[in-house]
C-alpha atoms as a PDB file:
ATOM      1  CA  MET A   1       6.948 -10.581  12.743  1.00  0.00           C
ATOM      2  CA  GLN A   2       3.410 -10.129  11.500  1.00  0.00           C
ATOM      3  CA  ARG A   3       2.137 -10.712   7.970  1.00  0.00           C
ATOM      4  CA  VAL A   4      -0.970  -9.112   6.530  1.00  0.00           C
ATOM      5  CA  ILE A   5      -2.262 -10.642   3.294  1.00  0.00           C
ATOM      6  CA  VAL A   6      -5.175  -9.226   1.337  1.00  0.00           C
ATOM      7  CA  ASP A   7      -6.382 -10.644  -1.971  1.00  0.00           C
ATOM      8  CA  GLN A   8      -8.858  -8.534  -3.925  1.00  0.00           C
ATOM      9  CA  ASP A   9     -10.395  -8.839  -7.388  1.00  0.00           C
ATOM     10  CA  PHE A  10     -11.400  -5.790  -9.409  1.00  0.00           C
ATOM     11  CA  PRO A  11     -13.640  -5.559 -12.492  1.00  0.00           C
ATOM     12  CA  VAL A  12     -11.095  -3.285 -14.210  1.00  0.00           C
ATOM     13  CA  PRO A  13      -8.001  -4.329 -16.210  1.00  0.00           C
ATOM     14  CA  VAL A  14      -4.597  -4.595 -14.514  1.00  0.00           C
ATOM     15  CA  GLU A  15      -3.457  -1.334 -16.104  1.00  0.00           C
ATOM     16  CA  GLN A  16      -6.275   0.546 -14.383  1.00  0.00           C
ATOM     17  CA  SER A  17      -5.946  -1.088 -10.949  1.00  0.00           C
ATOM     18  CA  PHE A  18      -2.155  -0.618 -10.999  1.00  0.00           C
ATOM     19  CA  ALA A  19      -2.425   3.039 -12.028  1.00  0.00           C
ATOM     20  CA  TYR A  20      -4.989   3.718  -9.288  1.00  0.00           C
ATOM     21  CA  LEU A  21      -3.050   2.036  -6.474  1.00  0.00           C
ATOM     22  CA  ALA A  22       0.335   3.384  -7.591  1.00  0.00           C
ATOM     23  CA  GLU A  23      -0.957   6.943  -7.153  1.00  0.00           C
ATOM     24  CA  HIS A  24      -0.006   7.908  -3.593  1.00  0.00           C
ATOM     25  CA  GLU A  25      -2.964  10.192  -3.004  1.00  0.00           C
ATOM     26  CA  ASN A  26      -5.459   7.388  -3.790  1.00  0.00           C
ATOM     27  CA  LEU A  27      -4.088   5.378  -0.871  1.00  0.00           C
ATOM     28  CA  ALA A  28      -5.688   7.734   1.658  1.00  0.00           C
ATOM     29  CA  ALA A  29      -9.045   5.989   1.280  1.00  0.00           C
ATOM     30  CA  VAL A  30      -7.431   2.540   1.213  1.00  0.00           C
ATOM     31  CA  PHE A  31      -5.535   3.011   4.477  1.00  0.00           C
ATOM     32  CA  GLY A  32      -7.943   5.373   6.200  1.00  0.00           C
ATOM     33  CA  ALA A  33      -5.085   7.844   6.571  1.00  0.00           C
ATOM     34  CA  LYS A  34      -4.022  11.278   5.418  1.00  0.00           C
ATOM     35  CA  VAL A  35      -1.475  10.738   2.617  1.00  0.00           C
ATOM     36  CA  THR A  36       0.879  13.450   1.383  1.00  0.00           C
ATOM     37  CA  ARG A  37       3.342  13.054  -1.488  1.00  0.00           C
ATOM     38  CA  LEU A  38       6.801  14.183  -0.358  1.00  0.00           C
ATOM     39  CA  ARG A  39       8.897  13.216  -3.360  1.00  0.00           C
ATOM     40  CA  ASP A  40       8.349  12.006  -6.904  1.00  0.00           C
ATOM     41  CA  GLY A  41      10.070   8.844  -8.090  1.00  0.00           C
ATOM     42  CA  ASP A  42      13.328   8.653  -9.960  1.00  0.00           C
ATOM     43  CA  GLY A  43      13.200   9.220 -13.720  1.00  0.00           C
ATOM     44  CA  ASP A  44       9.876   9.643 -15.479  1.00  0.00           C
ATOM     45  CA  ASP A  45       7.744   7.578 -13.073  1.00  0.00           C
ATOM     46  CA  ARG A  46       6.443   9.935 -10.392  1.00  0.00           C
ATOM     47  CA  ASN A  47       5.043   6.992  -8.395  1.00  0.00           C
ATOM     48  CA  GLY A  48       7.974   4.654  -9.033  1.00  0.00           C
ATOM     49  CA  ALA A  49      11.128   3.745  -7.142  1.00  0.00           C
ATOM     50  CA  GLY A  50      12.355   6.585  -4.974  1.00  0.00           C
ATOM     51  CA  SER A  51       8.950   8.200  -4.516  1.00  0.00           C
ATOM     52  CA  VAL A  52       8.075   8.998  -0.915  1.00  0.00           C
ATOM     53  CA  ARG A  53       4.719   9.516   0.805  1.00  0.00           C
ATOM     54  CA  GLN A  54       3.843  10.556   4.320  1.00  0.00           C
ATOM     55  CA  LEU A  55       0.945   8.859   6.094  1.00  0.00           C
ATOM     56  CA  GLN A  56      -0.814  10.060   9.203  1.00  0.00           C
ATOM     57  CA  ILE A  57      -3.419   7.908  10.892  1.00  0.00           C
ATOM     58  CA  GLY A  58      -5.610   9.817  13.323  1.00  0.00           C
ATOM     59  CA  PRO A  59      -3.675  11.515  16.121  1.00  0.00           C
ATOM     60  CA  LEU A  60      -0.590   9.286  15.700  1.00  0.00           C
ATOM     61  CA  PRO A  61       2.677  10.849  14.516  1.00  0.00           C
ATOM     62  CA  PRO A  62       3.193  10.718  10.741  1.00  0.00           C
ATOM     63  CA  PHE A  63       5.555   8.240   9.107  1.00  0.00           C
ATOM     64  CA  GLU A  64       7.100   7.918   5.656  1.00  0.00           C
ATOM     65  CA  GLU A  65       7.004   5.130   3.091  1.00  0.00           C
ATOM     66  CA  THR A  66       9.406   4.890   0.169  1.00  0.00           C
ATOM     67  CA  VAL A  67       8.737   2.910  -3.012  1.00  0.00           C
ATOM     68  CA  THR A  68      11.734   0.626  -3.531  1.00  0.00           C
ATOM     69  CA  GLU A  69      10.637  -1.131  -6.730  1.00  0.00           C
ATOM     70  CA  SER A  70       7.955  -0.607  -9.322  1.00  0.00           C
ATOM     71  CA  VAL A  71       7.289  -2.725 -12.400  1.00  0.00           C
ATOM     72  CA  PRO A  72       4.425  -1.152 -14.357  1.00  0.00           C
ATOM     73  CA  ASN A  73       1.219  -3.203 -14.247  1.00  0.00           C
ATOM     74  CA  GLU A  74       2.914  -5.953 -12.199  1.00  0.00           C
ATOM     75  CA  LEU A  75       4.527  -4.960  -8.910  1.00  0.00           C
ATOM     76  CA  ILE A  76       4.946  -2.220  -6.303  1.00  0.00           C
ATOM     77  CA  ARG A  77       7.302  -2.735  -3.339  1.00  0.00           C
ATOM     78  CA  TYR A  78       7.778  -0.212  -0.552  1.00  0.00           C
ATOM     79  CA  ARG A  79       8.957   0.109   3.021  1.00  0.00           C
ATOM     80  CA  ILE A  80       8.600   2.467   5.966  1.00  0.00           C
ATOM     81  CA  THR A  81      11.702   4.641   6.011  1.00  0.00           C
ATOM     82  CA  LYS A  82      11.007   7.174   8.763  1.00  0.00           C
ATOM     83  CA  GLY A  83       8.944   7.796  11.873  1.00  0.00           C
ATOM     84  CA  SER A  84       7.404   4.471  12.883  1.00  0.00           C
ATOM     85  CA  PRO A  85       7.695   2.118  15.856  1.00  0.00           C
ATOM     86  CA  LEU A  86       7.408  -0.740  13.337  1.00  0.00           C
ATOM     87  CA  LYS A  87      10.604  -2.467  12.222  1.00  0.00           C
ATOM     88  CA  GLY A  88      11.505  -4.559   9.204  1.00  0.00           C
ATOM     89  CA  HIS A  89       8.442  -3.256   7.341  1.00  0.00           C
ATOM     90  CA  ARG A  90       7.964  -4.412   3.754  1.00  0.00           C
ATOM     91  CA  GLY A  91       4.921  -3.950   1.535  1.00  0.00           C
ATOM     92  CA  GLU A  92       4.268  -5.629  -1.802  1.00  0.00           C
ATOM     93  CA  MET A  93       1.391  -5.291  -4.250  1.00  0.00           C
ATOM     94  CA  ARG A  94       1.284  -7.854  -7.085  1.00  0.00           C
ATOM     95  CA  PHE A  95      -1.149  -7.389  -9.971  1.00  0.00           C
ATOM     96  CA  THR A  96      -2.322 -10.144 -12.314  1.00  0.00           C
ATOM     97  CA  PRO A  97      -5.093 -10.310 -14.916  1.00  0.00           C
ATOM     98  CA  ASN A  98      -8.268 -12.329 -14.296  1.00  0.00           C
ATOM     99  CA  ALA A  99      -9.849 -14.585 -16.916  1.00  0.00           C
ATOM    100  CA  ASP A 100     -12.832 -12.199 -17.096  1.00  0.00           C
ATOM    101  CA  GLY A 101     -10.711  -9.187 -18.117  1.00  0.00           C
ATOM    102  CA  GLY A 102     -10.512  -7.797 -14.601  1.00  0.00           C
ATOM    103  CA  SER A 103      -7.532  -7.823 -12.278  1.00  0.00           C
ATOM    104  CA  HIS A 104      -6.369  -9.446  -9.075  1.00  0.00           C
ATOM    105  CA  LEU A 105      -4.316  -7.796  -6.345  1.00  0.00           C
ATOM    106  CA  HIS A 106      -2.229  -9.857  -3.947  1.00  0.00           C
ATOM    107  CA  TYR A 107      -1.143  -7.433  -1.218  1.00  0.00           C
ATOM    108  CA  GLU A 108       1.298  -8.562   1.442  1.00  0.00           C
ATOM    109  CA  ILE A 109       2.767  -6.512   4.271  1.00  0.00           C
ATOM    110  CA  SER A 110       5.227  -7.801   6.863  1.00  0.00           C
ATOM    111  CA  PHE A 111       6.625  -6.034   9.914  1.00  0.00           C
ATOM    112  CA  GLY A 112       7.671  -6.333  13.517  1.00  0.00           C
ATOM    113  CA  SER A 113       7.547  -3.811  16.323  1.00  0.00           C
ATOM    114  CA  LYS A 114       9.905  -2.115  18.721  1.00  0.00           C
ATOM    115  CA  VAL A 115       7.008  -2.091  21.218  1.00  0.00           C
ATOM    116  CA  PRO A 116       5.980  -5.609  22.341  1.00  0.00           C
ATOM    117  CA  GLY A 117       2.518  -6.565  21.070  1.00  0.00           C
ATOM    118  CA  LEU A 118       2.027  -3.444  18.957  1.00  0.00           C
ATOM    119  CA  ASP A 119       2.592  -5.381  15.728  1.00  0.00           C
ATOM    120  CA  VAL A 120      -0.313  -7.723  16.532  1.00  0.00           C
ATOM    121  CA  VAL A 121      -2.709  -4.803  17.013  1.00  0.00           C
ATOM    122  CA  VAL A 122      -1.442  -2.957  13.930  1.00  0.00           C
ATOM    123  CA  ALA A 123      -1.807  -6.093  11.778  1.00  0.00           C
ATOM    124  CA  LYS A 124      -5.443  -6.570  12.757  1.00  0.00           C
ATOM    125  CA  VAL A 125      -6.403  -2.926  12.209  1.00  0.00           C
ATOM    126  CA  LEU A 126      -4.391  -2.642   9.001  1.00  0.00           C
ATOM    127  CA  LYS A 127      -5.960  -5.711   7.408  1.00  0.00           C
ATOM    128  CA  GLY A 128      -9.484  -4.515   8.209  1.00  0.00           C
ATOM    129  CA  ASN A 129      -8.817  -1.004   6.916  1.00  0.00           C
ATOM    130  CA  ILE A 130      -7.242  -2.244   3.671  1.00  0.00           C
ATOM    131  CA  GLN A 131     -10.047  -4.735   2.953  1.00  0.00           C
ATOM    132  CA  LYS A 132     -12.688  -2.082   3.582  1.00  0.00           C
ATOM    133  CA  GLY A 133     -10.805   0.609   1.655  1.00  0.00           C
ATOM    134  CA  LEU A 134     -10.212  -1.577  -1.406  1.00  0.00           C
ATOM    135  CA  ALA A 135     -13.838  -2.742  -1.463  1.00  0.00           C
ATOM    136  CA  LYS A 136     -15.025   0.879  -1.489  1.00  0.00           C
ATOM    137  CA  SER A 137     -12.413   2.171  -3.957  1.00  0.00           C
ATOM    138  CA  GLU A 138     -13.213   3.607  -7.386  1.00  0.00           C
ATOM    139  CA  ILE A 139     -11.772   0.523  -9.083  1.00  0.00           C
ATOM    140  CA  ALA A 140     -13.992  -1.892  -7.125  1.00  0.00           C
ATOM    141  CA  ALA A 141     -17.236  -0.511  -8.496  1.00  0.00           C
END
Protein backbone atom coordinates (compact mmCIF):
# COMPACT_ATOMS: atom_id res chain seq x y z
CA MET A 1 0.00 0.00 0.00
CA GLN A 2 1.13 3.52 -0.79
CA ARG A 3 0.26 6.68 1.12
CA VAL A 4 0.36 10.16 -0.36
CA ILE A 5 0.22 13.02 2.14
CA VAL A 6 0.02 16.66 1.14
CA ASP A 7 -0.27 19.52 3.62
CA GLN A 8 -1.13 22.93 2.20
CA ASP A 9 -1.97 26.29 3.76
CA PHE A 10 -4.29 28.77 2.07
CA PRO A 11 -4.81 32.48 2.80
CA VAL A 12 -8.60 32.00 2.64
CA PRO A 13 -10.93 30.85 5.45
CA VAL A 14 -11.84 27.16 5.82
CA GLU A 15 -15.31 27.79 4.38
CA GLN A 16 -13.78 29.04 1.13
CA SER A 17 -11.11 26.34 0.76
CA PHE A 18 -13.65 23.60 1.56
CA ALA A 19 -16.20 24.97 -0.91
CA TYR A 20 -13.56 25.20 -3.65
CA LEU A 21 -12.16 21.69 -3.18
CA ALA A 22 -15.57 20.07 -2.65
CA GLU A 23 -16.64 21.24 -6.11
CA HIS A 24 -15.79 18.35 -8.44
CA GLU A 25 -15.05 20.49 -11.47
CA ASN A 26 -12.37 22.48 -9.58
CA LEU A 27 -10.38 19.28 -9.07
CA ALA A 28 -9.41 19.16 -12.74
CA ALA A 29 -6.61 21.68 -12.17
CA VAL A 30 -5.59 20.04 -8.89
CA PHE A 31 -5.17 16.57 -10.38
CA GLY A 32 -4.17 17.57 -13.89
CA ALA A 33 -7.09 15.53 -15.19
CA LYS A 34 -10.37 15.96 -17.02
CA VAL A 35 -13.12 15.80 -14.37
CA THR A 36 -16.78 15.21 -15.18
CA ARG A 37 -19.60 15.18 -12.63
CA LEU A 38 -21.67 12.02 -13.07
CA ARG A 39 -24.02 12.27 -10.10
CA ASP A 40 -24.96 14.81 -7.47
CA GLY A 41 -24.79 13.87 -3.80
CA ASP A 42 -27.64 12.62 -1.69
CA GLY A 43 -29.99 15.24 -0.24
CA ASP A 44 -29.25 18.92 -0.67
CA ASP A 45 -25.44 18.67 -0.91
CA ARG A 46 -24.56 18.22 -4.58
CA ASN A 47 -20.90 17.57 -3.69
CA GLY A 48 -21.62 15.47 -0.60
CA ALA A 49 -21.90 11.76 0.11
CA GLY A 50 -23.08 9.82 -2.91
CA SER A 51 -21.76 12.29 -5.48
CA VAL A 52 -19.71 10.72 -8.25
CA ARG A 53 -17.07 12.18 -10.57
CA GLN A 54 -15.20 10.69 -13.49
CA LEU A 55 -11.51 11.47 -13.93
CA GLN A 56 -9.45 10.93 -17.03
CA ILE A 57 -5.71 11.49 -16.98
CA GLY A 58 -4.18 11.81 -20.43
CA PRO A 59 -4.76 8.77 -22.65
CA LEU A 60 -5.51 6.43 -19.71
CA PRO A 61 -9.01 4.98 -19.35
CA PRO A 62 -11.34 7.03 -17.14
CA PHE A 63 -12.20 5.98 -13.59
CA GLU A 64 -14.84 7.03 -11.08
CA GLU A 65 -14.58 8.38 -7.55
CA THR A 66 -17.49 8.45 -5.12
CA VAL A 67 -17.71 10.75 -2.09
CA THR A 68 -18.43 8.53 0.92
CA GLU A 69 -18.53 11.19 3.65
CA SER A 70 -18.70 14.95 3.75
CA VAL A 71 -18.78 17.16 6.84
CA PRO A 72 -19.10 20.79 5.73
CA ASN A 73 -15.94 22.83 6.33
CA GLU A 74 -14.20 19.86 7.99
CA LEU A 75 -13.90 16.65 5.98
CA ILE A 76 -14.30 15.02 2.57
CA ARG A 77 -13.74 11.26 2.16
CA TYR A 78 -13.95 9.44 -1.16
CA ARG A 79 -12.84 6.28 -2.91
CA ILE A 80 -12.37 4.96 -6.43
CA THR A 81 -15.45 2.91 -7.25
CA LYS A 82 -14.99 1.98 -10.91
CA GLY A 83 -12.40 1.59 -13.64
CA SER A 84 -8.99 1.63 -11.97
CA PRO A 85 -6.13 -0.84 -11.54
CA LEU A 86 -5.69 0.62 -8.04
CA LYS A 87 -7.19 -1.28 -5.11
CA GLY A 88 -8.18 -0.28 -1.60
CA HIS A 89 -8.17 3.40 -2.61
CA ARG A 90 -9.21 5.93 0.03
CA GLY A 91 -8.91 9.71 -0.12
CA GLU A 92 -9.40 12.13 2.76
CA MET A 93 -9.26 15.92 2.88
CA ARG A 94 -9.28 17.49 6.37
CA PHE A 95 -9.72 21.25 6.75
CA THR A 96 -8.72 23.27 9.81
CA PRO A 97 -8.43 27.01 10.45
CA ASN A 98 -5.03 28.71 10.78
CA ALA A 99 -4.24 31.28 13.46
CA ASP A 100 -3.97 33.96 10.74
CA GLY A 101 -7.55 33.45 9.50
CA GLY A 102 -6.53 31.20 6.63
CA SER A 103 -6.98 27.46 6.35
CA HIS A 104 -4.93 24.29 6.35
CA LEU A 105 -5.59 21.21 4.24
CA HIS A 106 -4.29 17.81 5.28
CA TYR A 107 -4.83 15.55 2.25
CA GLU A 108 -4.13 11.85 2.52
CA ILE A 109 -4.62 9.19 -0.14
CA SER A 110 -3.88 5.49 0.30
CA PHE A 111 -4.04 2.70 -2.27
CA GLY A 112 -2.48 -0.46 -3.58
CA SER A 113 -2.32 -1.85 -7.09
CA LYS A 114 -3.37 -4.94 -8.97
CA VAL A 115 -0.28 -4.39 -11.16
CA PRO A 116 3.01 -4.83 -9.24
CA GLY A 117 4.90 -1.55 -8.87
CA LEU A 118 2.19 0.62 -10.42
CA ASP A 119 1.20 2.03 -7.03
CA VAL A 120 4.73 3.36 -6.45
CA VAL A 121 4.70 5.24 -9.77
CA VAL A 122 1.16 6.55 -9.26
CA ALA A 123 2.01 7.79 -5.75
CA LYS A 124 4.98 9.80 -6.98
CA VAL A 125 3.12 11.38 -9.90
CA LEU A 126 -0.02 12.00 -7.86
CA LYS A 127 1.81 13.78 -5.05
CA GLY A 128 3.64 16.06 -7.49
CA ASN A 129 0.47 16.88 -9.43
CA ILE A 130 -1.54 17.65 -6.28
CA GLN A 131 1.18 19.87 -4.77
CA LYS A 132 1.54 21.80 -8.02
CA GLY A 133 -2.22 22.01 -8.60
CA LEU A 134 -3.00 23.26 -5.09
CA ALA A 135 -0.21 25.85 -5.22
CA LYS A 136 -1.64 27.25 -8.47
CA SER A 137 -5.31 27.07 -7.43
CA GLU A 138 -7.58 30.10 -7.05
CA ILE A 139 -7.57 29.70 -3.26
CA ALA A 140 -3.76 29.76 -3.02
CA ALA A 141 -3.42 33.26 -4.40
